[in-house]
Amino acid sequence: MPGDGFLDRLLDLVSVHDRIIVVGQMDTGKSTLIKNLADHMDAYVLDADIGQNDIGPPSAVWLGKRAEGQYEAIDGYFCGSTSPSGHFLQVIAGVTRLVQSCKKRSILVNTTGLATGPIGRTLKTEKINAIRADLVIGLQTADELNYLYAFAHAGSEVAMFRPHPLVTSRSRTQRAEIRGSAYRAHFKGASVRHCRLDEVYVERSLLNNGVAADLARLQAVDPGIVHAESLDDEALIVSTGPLEDPGRIARHMQAGTIYEFRPSDFCGALTGLLSDSGKLLALGIVDSIDFGSGTIDVFTKAERFSVMQFGSIRLDRADFGSAGAFGPHRSYP
């Protein structure tokens, strides 16, 4: 990235555009560039770097404003993971929804470092298309982002630069530590909220969305089953141990696919908690679920919430580091 006078020239360039997106691999200076621009212009910043967010905690896309060298979050969209892989729909939906909420101001969009290879090209191409960016800024070390030049023939201006020579690289360990610190800051002052399951609406999971099974009938087949529900051709079953006869249970529930969980599988699951108007209030970590009493305990700063969105990762509340993936213990067939 050029030195003296470069920021002034770039500010002149972005001043005639409304939707500006910055693309580059990891450690190319995307976040620093956007901070410098945001410090000198009246613009929203959309932080879609869900693994190394500057605005809000990881695993979400955040919209914010920058003032006096600090970001303030305005709104967010929970994606459920710190990696865009396997979460393209959530990332694109979040970016699109938040961009549409911006009016009468330019918007600067930061992105993840997944920018090359078939997956990276697809993600960045569709993200640019989704927000209808009129300026695409690429930070490339060689020619890895040349695919972006196609947008110069599809209604966007494309400006390509080299990363600043003083940009430093972060190790995997450093990135994990930064994520942990961001989660720790977000959950500061949080407490465990005790909720009734039948009062919580759930997105991105079969839980609470299916038809409750005849539990007594299922327990006659397998006494370890503590919860079961089905929707169309799928069934969610929570059991205290391995299912004794999955095929027979599937026939009982007329299900082609069974998702088998242990009660402990839900512990640590990262969730997004929404208001009844659909606004992301805060993140939550499932502390426990008691299917016998029909209750769920969630560690969060949100005093109340209407909808719980399940993500695909779990967090360790001791240090807010990764506790692995969230999902079924196993599935059949």
Protein backbone atom coordinates (compact mmCIF):
# COMPACT_ATOMS: atom_id res chain seq x y z
CA MET A 1 0.00 0.00 0.00
CA PRO A 2 1.52 3.38 -0.95
CA GLY A 3 2.66 5.69 1.80
CA ASP A 4 2.53 9.50 1.98
CA GLY A 5 -0.65 11.00 0.59
CA PHE A 6 -2.23 7.63 -0.08
CA LEU A 7 -5.00 8.03 2.49
CA ASP A 8 -5.98 11.42 1.10
CA ARG A 9 -6.18 10.02 -2.43
CA LEU A 10 -8.18 7.03 -1.22
CA LEU A 11 -10.58 9.29 0.69
CA ASP A 12 -11.16 11.23 -2.51
CA LEU A 13 -11.95 7.96 -4.26
CA VAL A 14 -14.38 6.59 -1.67
CA SER A 15 -16.12 9.95 -1.25
CA VAL A 16 -17.94 9.44 -4.55
CA HIS A 17 -19.14 5.92 -3.68
CA ASP A 18 -21.80 4.61 -1.32
CA ARG A 19 -21.01 0.93 -0.82
CA ILE A 20 -17.34 0.14 -0.46
CA ILE A 21 -16.03 -3.35 0.21
CA VAL A 22 -12.44 -4.28 1.07
CA VAL A 23 -11.19 -7.72 0.03
CA GLY A 24 -7.91 -9.46 0.84
CA GLN A 25 -6.41 -12.54 2.38
CA MET A 26 -5.46 -12.73 6.05
CA ASP A 27 -2.89 -10.23 7.28
CA THR A 28 -3.18 -7.80 4.38
CA GLY A 29 -4.32 -4.78 6.43
CA LYS A 30 -8.05 -4.72 5.64
CA SER A 31 -9.14 -3.77 9.17
CA THR A 32 -6.48 -1.05 9.51
CA LEU A 33 -7.44 0.47 6.17
CA ILE A 34 -11.11 0.59 7.11
CA LYS A 35 -10.33 2.12 10.52
CA ASN A 36 -8.29 4.85 8.83
CA LEU A 37 -11.08 5.57 6.36
CA ALA A 38 -13.79 5.51 9.04
CA ASP A 39 -11.81 7.96 11.17
CA HIS A 40 -11.95 10.51 8.36
CA MET A 41 -15.46 10.12 6.94
CA ASP A 42 -19.08 9.93 8.04
CA ALA A 43 -19.79 6.30 7.22
CA TYR A 44 -21.17 3.12 8.70
CA VAL A 45 -18.80 0.18 9.06
CA LEU A 46 -20.07 -3.33 8.43
CA ASP A 47 -17.74 -5.87 10.02
CA ALA A 48 -18.21 -9.21 8.24
CA ASP A 49 -14.93 -10.69 9.49
CA ILE A 50 -16.77 -13.15 11.74
CA GLY A 51 -13.58 -14.72 13.10
CA GLN A 52 -11.65 -11.55 13.99
CA ASN A 53 -14.31 -8.88 14.45
CA ASP A 54 -13.37 -5.32 15.33
CA ILE A 55 -17.02 -4.56 16.15
CA GLY A 56 -18.77 -6.87 18.60
CA PRO A 57 -17.88 -10.47 19.45
CA PRO A 58 -16.95 -13.10 16.84
CA SER A 59 -19.49 -15.35 15.10
CA ALA A 60 -21.68 -12.46 13.96
CA VAL A 61 -21.76 -9.73 11.33
CA TRP A 62 -21.88 -6.32 13.00
CA LEU A 63 -22.88 -2.86 11.88
CA GLY A 64 -21.34 0.07 13.68
CA LYS A 65 -20.03 3.60 13.70
CA ARG A 66 -16.56 4.82 14.60
CA ALA A 67 -16.04 7.87 16.80
CA GLU A 68 -12.97 9.07 18.70
CA GLY A 69 -11.01 6.01 17.67
CA GLN A 70 -13.59 3.51 18.95
CA TYR A 71 -16.31 1.40 17.36
CA GLU A 72 -19.87 1.37 18.63
CA ALA A 73 -22.10 -1.50 17.54
CA ILE A 74 -25.53 -0.52 16.17
CA ASP A 75 -26.92 -3.86 15.06
CA GLY A 76 -25.78 -7.41 14.38
CA TYR A 77 -26.66 -10.69 12.72
CA PHE A 78 -25.68 -13.99 14.31
CA CYS A 79 -23.89 -16.38 11.95
CA GLY A 80 -23.08 -19.09 14.47
CA SER A 81 -19.42 -19.74 13.72
CA THR A 82 -16.05 -18.02 13.56
CA SER A 83 -15.47 -19.45 10.08
CA PRO A 84 -17.52 -18.61 6.98
CA SER A 85 -17.03 -22.14 5.63
CA GLY A 86 -20.35 -23.92 5.89
CA HIS A 87 -22.06 -20.66 6.86
CA PHE A 88 -22.27 -18.81 3.55
CA LEU A 89 -26.04 -18.38 3.80
CA GLN A 90 -25.84 -16.81 7.25
CA VAL A 91 -22.98 -14.49 6.29
CA ILE A 92 -24.61 -13.32 3.06
CA ALA A 93 -28.00 -12.94 4.78
CA GLY A 94 -26.42 -10.91 7.57
CA VAL A 95 -24.47 -8.64 5.27
CA THR A 96 -27.49 -8.05 3.04
CA ARG A 97 -29.85 -7.33 5.93
CA LEU A 98 -27.51 -4.88 7.64
CA VAL A 99 -26.57 -3.06 4.43
CA GLN A 100 -30.25 -2.58 3.64
CA SER A 101 -30.71 -0.89 7.02
CA CYS A 102 -28.14 1.80 6.16
CA LYS A 103 -29.60 4.99 4.76
CA LYS A 104 -28.15 8.37 3.84
CA ARG A 105 -24.59 7.31 4.69
CA SER A 106 -21.82 5.45 2.91
CA ILE A 107 -20.89 2.03 4.22
CA LEU A 108 -17.46 0.42 4.50
CA VAL A 109 -17.52 -3.39 4.48
CA ASN A 110 -14.73 -5.45 6.04
CA THR A 111 -14.47 -9.13 5.11
CA THR A 112 -12.81 -12.36 6.21
CA GLY A 113 -9.45 -13.50 4.85
CA LEU A 114 -11.13 -16.30 2.90
CA ALA A 115 -10.70 -14.64 -0.49
CA THR A 116 -9.00 -17.19 -2.76
CA GLY A 117 -9.63 -20.70 -4.01
CA PRO A 118 -13.06 -21.86 -5.20
CA ILE A 119 -14.71 -21.28 -1.82
CA GLY A 120 -13.13 -17.88 -1.21
CA ARG A 121 -13.86 -16.61 -4.72
CA THR A 122 -17.48 -17.73 -4.44
CA LEU A 123 -17.98 -16.09 -1.05
CA LYS A 124 -16.46 -12.76 -2.06
CA THR A 125 -18.18 -12.70 -5.46
CA GLU A 126 -21.61 -13.28 -3.99
CA LYS A 127 -21.01 -10.90 -1.10
CA ILE A 128 -20.14 -8.12 -3.57
CA ASN A 129 -23.21 -8.98 -5.62
CA ALA A 130 -25.43 -9.10 -2.53
CA ILE A 131 -24.53 -5.61 -1.31
CA ARG A 132 -24.23 -4.22 -4.85
CA ALA A 133 -20.87 -2.63 -4.03
CA ASP A 134 -20.00 0.31 -6.23
CA LEU A 135 -16.34 0.32 -5.15
CA VAL A 136 -14.30 -2.87 -4.63
CA ILE A 137 -10.91 -2.36 -3.00
CA GLY A 138 -8.55 -5.32 -3.26
CA LEU A 139 -5.39 -5.77 -1.20
CA GLN A 140 -3.35 -8.41 -3.01
CA THR A 141 0.24 -9.55 -2.72
CA ALA A 142 0.48 -10.81 -6.33
CA ASP A 143 -2.43 -11.49 -8.66
CA GLU A 144 -4.61 -13.66 -6.39
CA LEU A 145 -7.53 -11.19 -6.54
CA ASN A 146 -7.56 -10.58 -10.27
CA TYR A 147 -11.00 -12.20 -10.44
CA LEU A 148 -12.33 -8.98 -8.89
CA TYR A 149 -11.63 -7.06 -12.11
CA ALA A 150 -14.77 -8.63 -13.59
CA PHE A 151 -16.79 -6.25 -11.42
CA ALA A 152 -15.28 -3.31 -13.31
CA HIS A 153 -17.43 -4.51 -16.22
CA ALA A 154 -20.54 -5.04 -14.09
CA GLY A 155 -21.19 -1.61 -12.60
CA SER A 156 -18.49 -1.34 -9.95
CA GLU A 157 -15.19 0.48 -9.78
CA VAL A 158 -12.25 -1.74 -8.81
CA ALA A 159 -9.11 -0.40 -7.14
CA MET A 160 -6.25 -2.78 -6.42
CA PHE A 161 -3.35 -2.10 -4.04
CA ARG A 162 -0.45 -3.91 -2.42
CA PRO A 163 -0.59 -4.46 1.38
CA HIS A 164 1.45 -2.09 3.49
CA PRO A 165 4.95 -3.54 4.04
CA LEU A 166 4.61 -3.13 7.81
CA VAL A 167 1.50 -5.31 8.09
CA THR A 168 2.23 -8.06 10.61
CA SER A 169 0.99 -11.63 10.61
CA ARG A 170 -0.94 -13.26 13.45
CA SER A 171 -0.47 -16.87 14.39
CA ARG A 172 -3.35 -19.27 14.87
CA THR A 173 -2.76 -19.05 18.63
CA GLN A 174 -2.86 -15.26 18.59
CA ARG A 175 -6.12 -15.29 16.64
CA ALA A 176 -7.67 -17.71 19.14
CA GLU A 177 -6.56 -15.50 22.02
CA ILE A 178 -8.10 -12.43 20.36
CA ARG A 179 -11.38 -14.29 19.88
CA GLY A 180 -11.37 -15.39 23.52
CA SER A 181 -10.76 -11.82 24.69
CA ALA A 182 -13.60 -10.54 22.51
CA TYR A 183 -16.03 -13.13 23.88
CA ARG A 184 -14.87 -12.39 27.42
CA ALA A 185 -15.58 -8.69 26.93
CA HIS A 186 -19.01 -9.40 25.46
CA PHE A 187 -20.06 -11.70 28.32
CA LYS A 188 -18.76 -9.42 31.07
CA GLY A 189 -21.61 -8.95 33.52
CA ALA A 190 -23.62 -11.85 32.09
CA SER A 191 -25.60 -14.24 34.26
CA VAL A 192 -27.56 -17.46 33.84
CA ARG A 193 -31.16 -16.95 32.71
CA HIS A 194 -33.63 -19.71 33.59
CA CYS A 195 -36.25 -20.16 30.87
CA ARG A 196 -39.06 -22.53 30.04
CA LEU A 197 -38.43 -24.35 26.78
CA ASP A 198 -42.03 -23.92 25.67
CA GLU A 199 -41.61 -20.14 25.94
CA VAL A 200 -38.52 -19.98 23.70
CA TYR A 201 -38.79 -20.01 19.93
CA VAL A 202 -35.84 -21.66 18.21
CA GLU A 203 -34.21 -21.06 14.84
CA ARG A 204 -31.62 -23.21 13.05
CA SER A 205 -32.49 -26.37 14.96
CA LEU A 206 -35.20 -28.99 14.95
CA LEU A 207 -35.45 -28.49 18.72
CA ASN A 208 -38.84 -27.04 19.69
CA ASN A 209 -39.96 -27.03 16.06
CA GLY A 210 -41.21 -30.58 15.68
CA VAL A 211 -44.23 -32.55 16.85
CA ALA A 212 -43.62 -34.11 20.26
CA ALA A 213 -43.45 -37.90 20.17
CA ASP A 214 -45.26 -40.27 22.50
CA LEU A 215 -42.40 -40.47 24.99
CA ALA A 216 -43.84 -43.36 26.99
CA ARG A 217 -44.16 -45.45 23.86
CA LEU A 218 -40.56 -44.69 22.84
CA GLN A 219 -39.25 -45.39 26.34
CA ALA A 220 -40.80 -48.84 26.12
CA VAL A 221 -38.37 -49.43 23.26
CA ASP A 222 -35.44 -47.50 24.77
CA PRO A 223 -35.73 -46.24 28.37
CA GLY A 224 -32.79 -43.86 27.86
CA ILE A 225 -34.81 -41.50 25.65
CA VAL A 226 -35.72 -38.28 27.47
CA HIS A 227 -37.01 -36.18 24.57
CA ALA A 228 -38.15 -36.78 21.01
CA GLU A 229 -39.85 -34.76 18.30
CA SER A 230 -40.22 -35.02 14.55
CA LEU A 231 -40.82 -32.75 11.60
CA ASP A 232 -41.61 -34.12 8.16
CA ASP A 233 -39.05 -36.92 7.60
CA GLU A 234 -36.64 -35.89 10.38
CA ALA A 235 -36.52 -36.67 14.08
CA LEU A 236 -34.55 -35.22 16.97
CA ILE A 237 -33.99 -37.61 19.86
CA VAL A 238 -32.23 -36.86 23.14
CA SER A 239 -31.09 -39.90 25.08
CA THR A 240 -28.86 -40.58 28.05
CA GLY A 241 -26.90 -43.21 26.12
CA PRO A 242 -26.58 -44.80 22.67
CA LEU A 243 -29.88 -45.68 21.08
CA GLU A 244 -30.50 -49.40 21.48
CA ASP A 245 -32.37 -49.90 18.21
CA PRO A 246 -32.25 -46.81 15.95
CA GLY A 247 -34.05 -48.58 13.11
CA ARG A 248 -37.02 -49.52 15.27
CA ILE A 249 -37.20 -46.02 16.72
CA ALA A 250 -37.11 -44.53 13.23
CA ARG A 251 -40.04 -46.72 12.24
CA HIS A 252 -41.95 -45.70 15.36
CA MET A 253 -41.44 -42.04 14.46
CA GLN A 254 -41.80 -42.58 10.71
CA ALA A 255 -38.53 -40.74 10.22
CA GLY A 256 -35.95 -41.25 7.50
CA THR A 257 -33.27 -39.33 9.41
CA ILE A 258 -32.63 -39.32 13.16
CA TYR A 259 -30.44 -36.76 14.94
CA GLU A 260 -29.32 -38.25 18.24
CA PHE A 261 -28.21 -35.93 21.05
CA ARG A 262 -27.11 -36.35 24.65
CA PRO A 263 -28.34 -33.69 27.09
CA SER A 264 -24.71 -32.66 27.58
CA ASP A 265 -24.28 -32.03 23.84
CA PHE A 266 -26.21 -28.77 24.25
CA CYS A 267 -23.96 -27.48 27.04
CA GLY A 268 -21.71 -24.70 25.80
CA ALA A 269 -23.63 -24.21 22.54
CA LEU A 270 -23.23 -20.64 21.31
CA THR A 271 -26.51 -18.95 20.44
CA GLY A 272 -27.83 -15.64 19.19
CA LEU A 273 -30.69 -14.18 21.20
CA LEU A 274 -33.26 -12.02 19.45
CA SER A 275 -35.94 -9.60 20.58
CA ASP A 276 -39.52 -9.99 19.43
CA SER A 277 -38.72 -7.49 16.67
CA GLY A 278 -35.84 -9.65 15.38
CA LYS A 279 -32.98 -7.52 16.70
CA LEU A 280 -29.89 -9.35 17.94
CA LEU A 281 -29.77 -8.52 21.66
CA ALA A 282 -26.72 -10.52 22.72
CA LEU A 283 -25.01 -13.86 22.38
CA GLY A 284 -25.77 -16.68 24.78
CA ILE A 285 -24.09 -19.87 25.93
CA VAL A 286 -26.35 -22.79 26.84
CA ASP A 287 -25.57 -23.77 30.43
CA SER A 288 -27.90 -26.76 30.63
CA ILE A 289 -31.18 -28.22 29.40
CA ASP A 290 -33.46 -30.24 31.65
CA PHE A 291 -35.92 -32.06 29.42
CA GLY A 292 -37.69 -33.50 32.45
CA SER A 293 -38.74 -30.08 33.72
CA GLY A 294 -38.77 -28.52 30.24
CA THR A 295 -36.27 -25.78 31.12
CA ILE A 296 -33.12 -24.31 29.61
CA ASP A 297 -30.47 -22.20 31.34
CA VAL A 298 -28.59 -19.68 29.20
CA PHE A 299 -25.58 -17.57 30.18
CA THR A 300 -26.14 -14.13 28.64
CA LYS A 301 -26.38 -10.40 29.20
CA ALA A 302 -29.85 -10.31 27.63
CA GLU A 303 -32.42 -9.88 30.37
CA ARG A 304 -35.13 -11.42 28.20
CA PHE A 305 -35.36 -12.67 24.66
CA SER A 306 -37.94 -14.12 22.29
CA VAL A 307 -35.95 -16.25 19.86
CA MET A 308 -32.82 -18.39 20.22
CA GLN A 309 -30.68 -19.07 17.15
CA PHE A 310 -28.35 -22.05 17.53
CA GLY A 311 -24.86 -21.80 16.08
CA SER A 312 -22.48 -24.62 15.22
CA ILE A 313 -19.79 -24.11 17.87
CA ARG A 314 -19.50 -24.48 21.63
CA LEU A 315 -17.57 -22.27 24.03
CA ASP A 316 -15.86 -23.09 27.31
CA ARG A 317 -17.11 -20.57 29.85
CA ALA A 318 -13.89 -20.94 31.86
CA ASP A 319 -11.78 -19.13 29.25
CA PHE A 320 -14.22 -18.54 26.37
CA GLY A 321 -12.08 -20.70 24.15
CA SER A 322 -13.41 -23.27 21.72
CA ALA A 323 -15.10 -26.34 23.21
CA GLY A 324 -15.60 -27.96 19.82
CA ALA A 325 -18.48 -28.16 17.40
CA PHE A 326 -22.15 -28.19 18.31
CA GLY A 327 -24.32 -30.75 16.60
CA PRO A 328 -25.83 -34.21 16.95
CA HIS A 329 -23.93 -36.89 18.83
CA ARG A 330 -24.61 -38.97 15.73
CA SER A 331 -27.20 -39.21 13.00
CA TYR A 332 -28.92 -42.11 11.22
CA PRO A 333 -28.77 -43.37 8.59
